[in-house]
């Protein structure tokens, strides 16, 4: 057998193994479970609801304390690389823009 023929047979063997592998992958995808379609709880209802938290002053604050007032809860970190400090700075700027009205809201700062 010539070297060229051995090389050609080897390459066809690799092609055959690749096709068998792809076929097996395709069969595996067909066997995946169907996506859940009868969801009883929507994502929107999982957001919000009653809460009870401790402020940085140690006071307990609940949704009942803030009922009837606009409020914003933000859980950020002061040392994450980009998003948290930027968002905290933006929220601080907005509070400064509110001026004395921000203090009137009874915030827990």
PDB file of N, CA and C in Angstrom:
ATOM      1  N   UNK A   1       0.842  -1.177   0.000  1.00  0.00           N
ATOM      2  CA  UNK A   1       0.000   0.000   0.000  1.00  0.00           C
ATOM      3  C   UNK A   1       0.889   1.242   0.000  1.00  0.00           C
ATOM      4  N   UNK A   2       0.471   2.195  -0.772  1.00  0.00           N
ATOM      5  CA  UNK A   2       1.269   3.409  -0.852  1.00  0.00           C
ATOM      6  C   UNK A   2       0.939   4.322   0.333  1.00  0.00           C
ATOM      7  N   UNK A   3       1.840   5.216   0.612  1.00  0.00           N
ATOM      8  CA  UNK A   3       1.669   6.167   1.710  1.00  0.00           C
ATOM      9  C   UNK A   3       0.457   7.057   1.450  1.00  0.00           C
ATOM     10  N   UNK A   4       0.254   7.444   0.202  1.00  0.00           N
ATOM     11  CA  UNK A   4      -0.877   8.290  -0.147  1.00  0.00           C
ATOM     12  C   UNK A   4      -2.198   7.582   0.136  1.00  0.00           C
ATOM     13  N   UNK A   5      -2.260   6.299  -0.171  1.00  0.00           N
ATOM     14  CA  UNK A   5      -3.488   5.531   0.072  1.00  0.00           C
ATOM     15  C   UNK A   5      -3.747   5.389   1.567  1.00  0.00           C
ATOM     16  N   UNK A   6      -2.718   5.148   2.362  1.00  0.00           N
ATOM     17  CA  UNK A   6      -2.870   5.044   3.819  1.00  0.00           C
ATOM     18  C   UNK A   6      -3.334   6.380   4.391  1.00  0.00           C
ATOM     19  N   UNK A   7      -2.761   7.471   3.919  1.00  0.00           N
ATOM     20  CA  UNK A   7      -3.158   8.797   4.372  1.00  0.00           C
ATOM     21  C   UNK A   7      -4.620   9.063   4.018  1.00  0.00           C
ATOM     22  N   UNK A   8      -5.006   8.709   2.800  1.00  0.00           N
ATOM     23  CA  UNK A   8      -6.382   8.907   2.358  1.00  0.00           C
ATOM     24  C   UNK A   8      -7.350   8.093   3.211  1.00  0.00           C
ATOM     25  N   UNK A   9      -7.037   6.834   3.493  1.00  0.00           N
ATOM     26  CA  UNK A   9      -7.895   5.991   4.338  1.00  0.00           C
ATOM     27  C   UNK A   9      -7.982   6.551   5.764  1.00  0.00           C
ATOM     28  N   UNK A  10      -6.872   7.043   6.264  1.00  0.00           N
ATOM     29  CA  UNK A  10      -6.874   7.642   7.608  1.00  0.00           C
ATOM     30  C   UNK A  10      -7.762   8.873   7.685  1.00  0.00           C
ATOM     31  N   UNK A  11      -7.692   9.716   6.671  1.00  0.00           N
ATOM     32  CA  UNK A  11      -8.521  10.916   6.650  1.00  0.00           C
ATOM     33  C   UNK A  11     -10.002  10.561   6.546  1.00  0.00           C
ATOM     34  N   UNK A  12     -10.323   9.557   5.705  1.00  0.00           N
ATOM     35  CA  UNK A  12     -11.726   9.131   5.606  1.00  0.00           C
ATOM     36  C   UNK A  12     -12.203   8.535   6.938  1.00  0.00           C
ATOM     37  N   UNK A  13     -11.312   7.881   7.629  1.00  0.00           N
ATOM     38  CA  UNK A  13     -11.664   7.355   8.958  1.00  0.00           C
ATOM     39  C   UNK A  13     -11.989   8.473   9.935  1.00  0.00           C
ATOM     40  N   UNK A  14     -11.199   9.554   9.889  1.00  0.00           N
ATOM     41  CA  UNK A  14     -11.465  10.705  10.751  1.00  0.00           C
ATOM     42  C   UNK A  14     -12.800  11.368  10.396  1.00  0.00           C
ATOM     43  N   UNK A  15     -13.080  11.462   9.094  1.00  0.00           N
ATOM     44  CA  UNK A  15     -14.357  12.035   8.656  1.00  0.00           C
ATOM     45  C   UNK A  15     -15.513  11.171   9.158  1.00  0.00           C
ATOM     46  N   UNK A  16     -15.359   9.852   9.057  1.00  0.00           N
ATOM     47  CA  UNK A  16     -16.414   8.943   9.519  1.00  0.00           C
ATOM     48  C   UNK A  16     -16.628   9.083  11.020  1.00  0.00           C
ATOM     49  N   UNK A  17     -15.540   9.183  11.791  1.00  0.00           N
ATOM     50  CA  UNK A  17     -15.683   9.337  13.245  1.00  0.00           C
ATOM     51  C   UNK A  17     -16.350  10.671  13.586  1.00  0.00           C
ATOM     52  N   UNK A  18     -16.034  11.720  12.854  1.00  0.00           N
ATOM     53  CA  UNK A  18     -16.653  13.028  13.096  1.00  0.00           C
ATOM     54  C   UNK A  18     -18.146  12.963  12.809  1.00  0.00           C
ATOM     55  N   UNK A  19     -18.514  12.289  11.710  1.00  0.00           N
ATOM     56  CA  UNK A  19     -19.939  12.174  11.381  1.00  0.00           C
ATOM     57  C   UNK A  19     -20.689  11.357  12.425  1.00  0.00           C
ATOM     58  N   UNK A  20     -20.076  10.276  12.896  1.00  0.00           N
ATOM     59  CA  UNK A  20     -20.713   9.464  13.939  1.00  0.00           C
ATOM     60  C   UNK A  20     -20.880  10.292  15.210  1.00  0.00           C
ATOM     61  N   UNK A  21     -19.856  11.080  15.546  1.00  0.00           N
ATOM     62  CA  UNK A  21     -19.945  11.948  16.730  1.00  0.00           C
ATOM     63  C   UNK A  21     -21.043  12.981  16.606  1.00  0.00           C
ATOM     64  N   UNK A  22     -21.121  13.617  15.447  1.00  0.00           N
ATOM     65  CA  UNK A  22     -22.183  14.605  15.226  1.00  0.00           C
ATOM     66  C   UNK A  22     -23.562  13.961  15.242  1.00  0.00           C
ATOM     67  N   UNK A  23     -23.650  12.755  14.689  1.00  0.00           N
ATOM     68  CA  UNK A  23     -24.929  12.037  14.721  1.00  0.00           C
ATOM     69  C   UNK A  23     -25.343  11.717  16.145  1.00  0.00           C
ATOM     70  N   UNK A  24     -24.384  11.299  16.967  1.00  0.00           N
ATOM     71  CA  UNK A  24     -24.689  11.023  18.370  1.00  0.00           C
ATOM     72  C   UNK A  24     -25.105  12.273  19.116  1.00  0.00           C
ATOM     73  N   UNK A  25     -24.458  13.384  18.799  1.00  0.00           N
ATOM     74  CA  UNK A  25     -24.838  14.650  19.401  1.00  0.00           C
ATOM     75  C   UNK A  25     -26.258  15.024  18.991  1.00  0.00           C
ATOM     76  N   UNK A  26     -26.570  14.824  17.720  1.00  0.00           N
ATOM     77  CA  UNK A  26     -27.921  15.115  17.243  1.00  0.00           C
ATOM     78  C   UNK A  26     -28.966  14.266  17.932  1.00  0.00           C
ATOM     79  N   UNK A  27     -28.668  12.995  18.141  1.00  0.00           N
ATOM     80  CA  UNK A  27     -29.610  12.127  18.850  1.00  0.00           C
ATOM     81  C   UNK A  27     -29.777  12.580  20.290  1.00  0.00           C
ATOM     82  N   UNK A  28     -28.701  13.037  20.901  1.00  0.00           N
ATOM     83  CA  UNK A  28     -28.784  13.522  22.271  1.00  0.00           C
ATOM     84  C   UNK A  28     -29.659  14.752  22.388  1.00  0.00           C
ATOM     85  N   UNK A  29     -29.583  15.635  21.401  1.00  0.00           N
ATOM     86  CA  UNK A  29     -30.408  16.842  21.424  1.00  0.00           C
ATOM     87  C   UNK A  29     -31.882  16.483  21.277  1.00  0.00           C
ATOM     88  N   UNK A  30     -32.184  15.509  20.438  1.00  0.00           N
ATOM     89  CA  UNK A  30     -33.573  15.105  20.254  1.00  0.00           C
ATOM     90  C   UNK A  30     -34.156  14.493  21.513  1.00  0.00           C
ATOM     91  N   UNK A  31     -33.320  13.993  22.407  1.00  0.00           N
ATOM     92  CA  UNK A  31     -33.816  13.349  23.621  1.00  0.00           C
ATOM     93  C   UNK A  31     -33.939  14.300  24.798  1.00  0.00           C
ATOM     94  N   UNK A  32     -33.618  15.567  24.621  1.00  0.00           N
ATOM     95  CA  UNK A  32     -33.753  16.528  25.706  1.00  0.00           C
ATOM     96  C   UNK A  32     -35.222  16.667  26.077  1.00  0.00           C
ATOM     97  N   UNK A  33     -35.511  16.902  27.359  1.00  0.00           N
ATOM     98  CA  UNK A  33     -36.912  17.083  27.743  1.00  0.00           C
ATOM     99  C   UNK A  33     -37.497  18.349  27.118  1.00  0.00           C
ATOM    100  N   UNK A  34     -38.779  18.324  26.881  1.00  0.00           N
ATOM    101  CA  UNK A  34     -39.463  19.478  26.296  1.00  0.00           C
ATOM    102  C   UNK A  34     -39.450  20.630  27.294  1.00  0.00           C
ATOM    103  N   UNK A  35     -39.384  21.857  26.814  1.00  0.00           N
ATOM    104  CA  UNK A  35     -39.414  22.995  27.736  1.00  0.00           C
ATOM    105  C   UNK A  35     -40.736  23.055  28.478  1.00  0.00           C
ATOM    106  N   UNK A  36     -40.664  23.573  29.699  1.00  0.00           N
ATOM    107  CA  UNK A  36     -41.865  23.670  30.531  1.00  0.00           C
ATOM    108  C   UNK A  36     -42.813  24.703  29.935  1.00  0.00           C
ATOM    109  N   UNK A  37     -44.045  24.293  29.674  1.00  0.00           N
ATOM    110  CA  UNK A  37     -45.003  25.210  29.059  1.00  0.00           C
ATOM    111  C   UNK A  37     -46.161  25.549  29.978  1.00  0.00           C
ATOM    112  N   UNK A  38     -46.360  24.808  31.037  1.00  0.00           N
ATOM    113  CA  UNK A  38     -47.512  25.061  31.904  1.00  0.00           C
ATOM    114  C   UNK A  38     -47.046  25.657  33.230  1.00  0.00           C
ATOM    115  N   UNK A  39     -46.370  26.767  33.148  1.00  0.00           N
ATOM    116  CA  UNK A  39     -45.848  27.451  34.323  1.00  0.00           C
ATOM    117  C   UNK A  39     -47.003  28.098  35.078  1.00  0.00           C
ATOM    118  N   UNK A  40     -47.056  27.880  36.382  1.00  0.00           N
ATOM    119  CA  UNK A  40     -48.172  28.410  37.162  1.00  0.00           C
ATOM    120  C   UNK A  40     -47.854  29.753  37.806  1.00  0.00           C
ATOM    121  N   UNK A  41     -46.575  30.105  37.920  1.00  0.00           N
ATOM    122  CA  UNK A  41     -46.180  31.368  38.530  1.00  0.00           C
ATOM    123  C   UNK A  41     -45.419  32.169  37.487  1.00  0.00           C
ATOM    124  N   UNK A  42     -45.852  33.385  37.241  1.00  0.00           N
ATOM    125  CA  UNK A  42     -45.140  34.200  36.272  1.00  0.00           C
ATOM    126  C   UNK A  42     -43.927  34.840  36.934  1.00  0.00           C
ATOM    127  N   UNK A  43     -42.955  35.207  36.141  1.00  0.00           N
ATOM    128  CA  UNK A  43     -41.762  35.839  36.685  1.00  0.00           C
ATOM    129  C   UNK A  43     -42.088  37.168  37.356  1.00  0.00           C
ATOM    130  N   UNK A  44     -43.060  37.881  36.823  1.00  0.00           N
ATOM    131  CA  UNK A  44     -43.400  39.174  37.395  1.00  0.00           C
ATOM    132  C   UNK A  44     -43.900  39.034  38.822  1.00  0.00           C
ATOM    133  N   UNK A  45     -44.594  37.951  39.152  1.00  0.00           N
ATOM    134  CA  UNK A  45     -45.117  37.797  40.503  1.00  0.00           C
ATOM    135  C   UNK A  45     -44.034  37.388  41.487  1.00  0.00           C
ATOM    136  N   UNK A  46     -42.848  36.987  40.997  1.00  0.00           N
ATOM    137  CA  UNK A  46     -41.769  36.611  41.894  1.00  0.00           C
ATOM    138  C   UNK A  46     -40.964  37.829  42.347  1.00  0.00           C
ATOM    139  N   UNK A  47     -41.202  38.966  41.735  1.00  0.00           N
ATOM    140  CA  UNK A  47     -40.487  40.185  42.077  1.00  0.00           C
ATOM    141  C   UNK A  47     -41.344  40.982  43.047  1.00  0.00           C
ATOM    142  N   UNK A  48     -40.728  41.484  44.083  1.00  0.00           N
ATOM    143  CA  UNK A  48     -41.454  42.299  45.050  1.00  0.00           C
ATOM    144  C   UNK A  48     -42.096  41.443  46.123  1.00  0.00           C
ATOM    145  N   UNK A  49     -43.041  42.012  46.824  1.00  0.00           N
ATOM    146  CA  UNK A  49     -43.712  41.299  47.900  1.00  0.00           C
ATOM    147  C   UNK A  49     -43.232  41.774  49.256  1.00  0.00           C
ATOM    148  N   UNK A  50     -43.788  41.200  50.293  1.00  0.00           N
ATOM    149  CA  UNK A  50     -43.426  41.621  51.642  1.00  0.00           C
ATOM    150  C   UNK A  50     -41.954  41.356  51.945  1.00  0.00           C
ATOM    151  N   UNK A  51     -41.347  42.232  52.717  1.00  0.00           N
ATOM    152  CA  UNK A  51     -39.951  42.038  53.102  1.00  0.00           C
ATOM    153  C   UNK A  51     -39.730  42.608  54.494  1.00  0.00           C
ATOM    154  N   UNK A  52     -38.658  42.176  55.090  1.00  0.00           N
ATOM    155  CA  UNK A  52     -38.237  42.647  56.411  1.00  0.00           C
ATOM    156  C   UNK A  52     -36.716  42.674  56.395  1.00  0.00           C
ATOM    157  N   UNK A  53     -36.125  43.867  56.477  1.00  0.00           N
ATOM    158  CA  UNK A  53     -34.679  44.035  56.357  1.00  0.00           C
ATOM    159  C   UNK A  53     -34.143  44.838  57.534  1.00  0.00           C
ATOM    160  N   UNK A  54     -32.856  44.776  57.722  1.00  0.00           N
ATOM    161  CA  UNK A  54     -32.188  45.561  58.755  1.00  0.00           C
ATOM    162  C   UNK A  54     -31.388  46.663  58.077  1.00  0.00           C
ATOM    163  N   UNK A  55     -31.598  47.904  58.513  1.00  0.00           N
ATOM    164  CA  UNK A  55     -30.872  49.028  57.927  1.00  0.00           C
ATOM    165  C   UNK A  55     -29.440  49.033  58.448  1.00  0.00           C
ATOM    166  N   UNK A  56     -28.620  49.902  57.864  1.00  0.00           N
ATOM    167  CA  UNK A  56     -27.244  49.999  58.315  1.00  0.00           C
ATOM    168  C   UNK A  56     -27.145  50.642  59.699  1.00  0.00           C
ATOM    169  N   UNK A  57     -28.268  51.165  60.195  1.00  0.00           N
ATOM    170  CA  UNK A  57     -28.319  51.685  61.563  1.00  0.00           C
ATOM    171  C   UNK A  57     -28.763  50.606  62.551  1.00  0.00           C
ATOM    172  N   UNK A  58     -29.130  49.427  62.052  1.00  0.00           N
ATOM    173  CA  UNK A  58     -29.592  48.331  62.907  1.00  0.00           C
ATOM    174  C   UNK A  58     -31.097  48.309  63.108  1.00  0.00           C
ATOM    175  N   UNK A  59     -31.822  49.239  62.492  1.00  0.00           N
ATOM    176  CA  UNK A  59     -33.281  49.291  62.613  1.00  0.00           C
ATOM    177  C   UNK A  59     -33.919  48.314  61.638  1.00  0.00           C
ATOM    178  N   UNK A  60     -35.025  47.703  62.049  1.00  0.00           N
ATOM    179  CA  UNK A  60     -35.767  46.810  61.160  1.00  0.00           C
ATOM    180  C   UNK A  60     -36.696  47.658  60.302  1.00  0.00           C
ATOM    181  N   UNK A  61     -36.652  47.423  59.005  1.00  0.00           N
ATOM    182  CA  UNK A  61     -37.501  48.135  58.050  1.00  0.00           C
ATOM    183  C   UNK A  61     -38.276  47.090  57.270  1.00  0.00           C
ATOM    184  N   UNK A  62     -39.576  47.279  57.165  1.00  0.00           N
ATOM    185  CA  UNK A  62     -40.399  46.321  56.416  1.00  0.00           C
ATOM    186  C   UNK A  62     -41.203  47.061  55.356  1.00  0.00           C
ATOM    187  N   UNK A  63     -41.857  46.293  54.533  1.00  0.00           N
ATOM    188  CA  UNK A  63     -42.694  46.903  53.499  1.00  0.00           C
ATOM    189  C   UNK A  63     -43.835  47.694  54.130  1.00  0.00           C
ATOM    190  N   UNK A  64     -44.283  47.283  55.318  1.00  0.00           N
ATOM    191  CA  UNK A  64     -45.366  48.000  55.987  1.00  0.00           C
ATOM    192  C   UNK A  64     -44.924  49.407  56.396  1.00  0.00           C
ATOM    193  N   UNK A  65     -43.637  49.570  56.761  1.00  0.00           N
ATOM    194  CA  UNK A  65     -43.113  50.887  57.139  1.00  0.00           C
ATOM    195  C   UNK A  65     -43.100  51.849  55.959  1.00  0.00           C
ATOM    196  N   UNK A  66     -42.967  51.323  54.761  1.00  0.00           N
ATOM    197  CA  UNK A  66     -42.842  52.162  53.571  1.00  0.00           C
ATOM    198  C   UNK A  66     -44.115  52.244  52.743  1.00  0.00           C
ATOM    199  N   UNK A  67     -45.157  51.572  53.175  1.00  0.00           N
ATOM    200  CA  UNK A  67     -46.412  51.545  52.413  1.00  0.00           C
ATOM    201  C   UNK A  67     -46.950  52.969  52.214  1.00  0.00           C
ATOM    202  N   UNK A  68     -47.303  53.277  50.993  1.00  0.00           N
ATOM    203  CA  UNK A  68     -47.832  54.597  50.659  1.00  0.00           C
ATOM    204  C   UNK A  68     -46.765  55.604  50.280  1.00  0.00           C
ATOM    205  N   UNK A  69     -45.484  55.212  50.378  1.00  0.00           N
ATOM    206  CA  UNK A  69     -44.383  56.105  50.017  1.00  0.00           C
ATOM    207  C   UNK A  69     -43.614  55.465  48.870  1.00  0.00           C
ATOM    208  N   UNK A  70     -43.095  56.265  47.974  1.00  0.00           N
ATOM    209  CA  UNK A  70     -42.237  55.667  46.937  1.00  0.00           C
ATOM    210  C   UNK A  70     -40.912  55.232  47.567  1.00  0.00           C
ATOM    211  N   UNK A  71     -40.423  54.083  47.178  1.00  0.00           N
ATOM    212  CA  UNK A  71     -39.140  53.627  47.705  1.00  0.00           C
ATOM    213  C   UNK A  71     -38.418  52.783  46.671  1.00  0.00           C
ATOM    214  N   UNK A  72     -37.138  52.685  46.876  1.00  0.00           N
ATOM    215  CA  UNK A  72     -36.282  51.935  45.977  1.00  0.00           C
ATOM    216  C   UNK A  72     -35.337  51.102  46.835  1.00  0.00           C
ATOM    217  N   UNK A  73     -35.274  49.814  46.555  1.00  0.00           N
ATOM    218  CA  UNK A  73     -34.325  48.937  47.225  1.00  0.00           C
ATOM    219  C   UNK A  73     -33.252  48.577  46.220  1.00  0.00           C
ATOM    220  N   UNK A  74     -32.010  48.783  46.607  1.00  0.00           N
ATOM    221  CA  UNK A  74     -30.898  48.426  45.735  1.00  0.00           C
ATOM    222  C   UNK A  74     -29.862  47.709  46.568  1.00  0.00           C
ATOM    223  N   UNK A  75     -29.469  46.528  46.126  1.00  0.00           N
ATOM    224  CA  UNK A  75     -28.448  45.757  46.817  1.00  0.00           C
ATOM    225  C   UNK A  75     -27.184  45.831  45.973  1.00  0.00           C
ATOM    226  N   UNK A  76     -26.249  46.624  46.421  1.00  0.00           N
ATOM    227  CA  UNK A  76     -25.012  46.803  45.675  1.00  0.00           C
ATOM    228  C   UNK A  76     -23.820  46.584  46.579  1.00  0.00           C
ATOM    229  N   UNK A  77     -22.696  46.452  45.970  1.00  0.00           N
ATOM    230  CA  UNK A  77     -21.445  46.285  46.693  1.00  0.00           C
ATOM    231  C   UNK A  77     -20.580  47.509  46.440  1.00  0.00           C
ATOM    232  N   UNK A  78     -19.859  47.945  47.446  1.00  0.00           N
ATOM    233  CA  UNK A  78     -19.037  49.136  47.290  1.00  0.00           C
ATOM    234  C   UNK A  78     -17.708  48.836  46.623  1.00  0.00           C
ATOM    235  N   UNK A  79     -17.323  47.566  46.519  1.00  0.00           N
ATOM    236  CA  UNK A  79     -16.022  47.229  45.951  1.00  0.00           C
ATOM    237  C   UNK A  79     -16.099  46.360  44.699  1.00  0.00           C
ATOM    238  N   UNK A  80     -17.246  46.258  44.041  1.00  0.00           N
ATOM    239  CA  UNK A  80     -17.267  45.520  42.783  1.00  0.00           C
ATOM    240  C   UNK A  80     -16.651  46.414  41.709  1.00  0.00           C
ATOM    241  N   UNK A  81     -16.165  45.852  40.616  1.00  0.00           N
ATOM    242  CA  UNK A  81     -15.338  46.627  39.701  1.00  0.00           C
ATOM    243  C   UNK A  81     -16.019  47.790  38.989  1.00  0.00           C
ATOM    244  N   UNK A  82     -17.286  47.683  38.623  1.00  0.00           N
ATOM    245  CA  UNK A  82     -17.825  48.774  37.819  1.00  0.00           C
ATOM    246  C   UNK A  82     -19.285  49.097  38.082  1.00  0.00           C
ATOM    247  N   UNK A  83     -20.182  48.156  38.019  1.00  0.00           N
ATOM    248  CA  UNK A  83     -21.613  48.455  38.018  1.00  0.00           C
ATOM    249  C   UNK A  83     -22.094  49.006  39.350  1.00  0.00           C
ATOM    250  N   UNK A  84     -21.751  48.377  40.456  1.00  0.00           N
ATOM    251  CA  UNK A  84     -22.290  48.787  41.749  1.00  0.00           C
ATOM    252  C   UNK A  84     -21.885  50.202  42.144  1.00  0.00           C
ATOM    253  N   UNK A  85     -20.588  50.555  42.135  1.00  0.00           N
ATOM    254  CA  UNK A  85     -20.240  51.934  42.507  1.00  0.00           C
ATOM    255  C   UNK A  85     -20.856  52.968  41.569  1.00  0.00           C
ATOM    256  N   UNK A  86     -20.939  52.633  40.303  1.00  0.00           N
ATOM    257  CA  UNK A  86     -21.541  53.563  39.336  1.00  0.00           C
ATOM    258  C   UNK A  86     -23.017  53.773  39.652  1.00  0.00           C
ATOM    259  N   UNK A  87     -23.717  52.687  39.931  1.00  0.00           N
ATOM    260  CA  UNK A  87     -25.145  52.789  40.236  1.00  0.00           C
ATOM    261  C   UNK A  87     -25.368  53.502  41.559  1.00  0.00           C
ATOM    262  N   UNK A  88     -24.550  53.207  42.567  1.00  0.00           N
ATOM    263  CA  UNK A  88     -24.671  53.903  43.846  1.00  0.00           C
ATOM    264  C   UNK A  88     -24.415  55.391  43.675  1.00  0.00           C
ATOM    265  N   UNK A  89     -23.447  55.765  42.876  1.00  0.00           N
ATOM    266  CA  UNK A  89     -23.173  57.182  42.619  1.00  0.00           C
ATOM    267  C   UNK A  89     -24.354  57.841  41.916  1.00  0.00           C
ATOM    268  N   UNK A  90     -24.955  57.128  40.968  1.00  0.00           N
ATOM    269  CA  UNK A  90     -26.126  57.657  40.257  1.00  0.00           C
ATOM    270  C   UNK A  90     -27.301  57.856  41.218  1.00  0.00           C
ATOM    271  N   UNK A  91     -27.524  56.892  42.111  1.00  0.00           N
ATOM    272  CA  UNK A  91     -28.612  57.026  43.087  1.00  0.00           C
ATOM    273  C   UNK A  91     -28.342  58.188  44.039  1.00  0.00           C
ATOM    274  N   UNK A  92     -27.092  58.354  44.463  1.00  0.00           N
ATOM    275  CA  UNK A  92     -26.742  59.483  45.341  1.00  0.00           C
ATOM    276  C   UNK A  92     -26.988  60.814  44.640  1.00  0.00           C
ATOM    277  N   UNK A  93     -26.641  60.873  43.359  1.00  0.00           N
ATOM    278  CA  UNK A  93     -26.863  62.100  42.588  1.00  0.00           C
ATOM    279  C   UNK A  93     -28.344  62.418  42.489  1.00  0.00           C
ATOM    280  N   UNK A  94     -29.153  61.383  42.278  1.00  0.00           N
ATOM    281  CA  UNK A  94     -30.612  61.598  42.193  1.00  0.00           C
ATOM    282  C   UNK A  94     -31.166  62.095  43.522  1.00  0.00           C
ATOM    283  N   UNK A  95     -30.662  61.543  44.641  1.00  0.00           N
ATOM    284  CA  UNK A  95     -31.117  62.005  45.955  1.00  0.00           C
ATOM    285  C   UNK A  95     -30.723  63.460  46.184  1.00  0.00           C
ATOM    286  N   UNK A  96     -29.525  63.825  45.743  1.00  0.00           N
ATOM    287  CA  UNK A  96     -29.097  65.224  45.867  1.00  0.00           C
ATOM    288  C   UNK A  96     -30.000  66.135  45.044  1.00  0.00           C
ATOM    289  N   UNK A  97     -30.431  65.686  43.886  1.00  0.00           N
ATOM    290  CA  UNK A  97     -31.320  66.480  43.041  1.00  0.00           C
ATOM    291  C   UNK A  97     -32.675  66.692  43.721  1.00  0.00           C
ATOM    292  N   UNK A  98     -33.099  65.712  44.526  1.00  0.00           N
ATOM    293  CA  UNK A  98     -34.363  65.862  45.244  1.00  0.00           C
ATOM    294  C   UNK A  98     -34.255  66.900  46.360  1.00  0.00           C
ATOM    295  N   UNK A  99     -33.055  67.136  46.828  1.00  0.00           N
ATOM    296  CA  UNK A  99     -32.846  68.139  47.883  1.00  0.00           C
ATOM    297  C   UNK A  99     -33.576  67.771  49.159  1.00  0.00           C
ATOM    298  N   UNK A 100     -34.307  68.739  49.725  1.00  0.00           N
ATOM    299  CA  UNK A 100     -35.009  68.492  50.990  1.00  0.00           C
ATOM    300  C   UNK A 100     -36.150  67.503  50.825  1.00  0.00           C
ATOM    301  N   UNK A 101     -36.648  67.339  49.607  1.00  0.00           N
ATOM    302  CA  UNK A 101     -37.711  66.356  49.393  1.00  0.00           C
ATOM    303  C   UNK A 101     -37.218  64.934  49.666  1.00  0.00           C
ATOM    304  N   UNK A 102     -35.937  64.676  49.469  1.00  0.00           N
ATOM    305  CA  UNK A 102     -35.396  63.347  49.751  1.00  0.00           C
ATOM    306  C   UNK A 102     -35.463  63.053  51.246  1.00  0.00           C
ATOM    307  N   UNK A 103     -35.183  64.039  52.075  1.00  0.00           N
ATOM    308  CA  UNK A 103     -35.256  63.851  53.525  1.00  0.00           C
ATOM    309  C   UNK A 103     -36.701  63.686  53.985  1.00  0.00           C
ATOM    310  N   UNK A 104     -37.616  64.298  53.276  1.00  0.00           N
ATOM    311  CA  UNK A 104     -39.034  64.228  53.616  1.00  0.00           C
ATOM    312  C   UNK A 104     -39.579  62.808  53.414  1.00  0.00           C
ATOM    313  N   UNK A 105     -38.918  62.025  52.577  1.00  0.00           N
ATOM    314  CA  UNK A 105     -39.453  60.695  52.253  1.00  0.00           C
ATOM    315  C   UNK A 105     -39.254  59.694  53.391  1.00  0.00           C
ATOM    316  N   UNK A 106     -38.457  60.023  54.394  1.00  0.00           N
ATOM    317  CA  UNK A 106     -38.266  59.092  55.507  1.00  0.00           C
ATOM    318  C   UNK A 106     -37.319  57.967  55.153  1.00  0.00           C
ATOM    319  N   UNK A 107     -36.366  58.232  54.262  1.00  0.00           N
ATOM    320  CA  UNK A 107     -35.445  57.189  53.839  1.00  0.00           C
ATOM    321  C   UNK A 107     -34.562  56.757  54.983  1.00  0.00           C
ATOM    322  N   UNK A 108     -33.961  55.600  54.830  1.00  0.00           N
ATOM    323  CA  UNK A 108     -33.163  54.990  55.889  1.00  0.00           C
ATOM    324  C   UNK A 108     -31.692  55.296  55.770  1.00  0.00           C
ATOM    325  N   UNK A 109     -31.301  56.226  54.948  1.00  0.00           N
ATOM    326  CA  UNK A 109     -29.880  56.472  54.726  1.00  0.00           C
ATOM    327  C   UNK A 109     -29.247  56.729  56.033  1.00  0.00           C
TER     328      UNK A 109
END
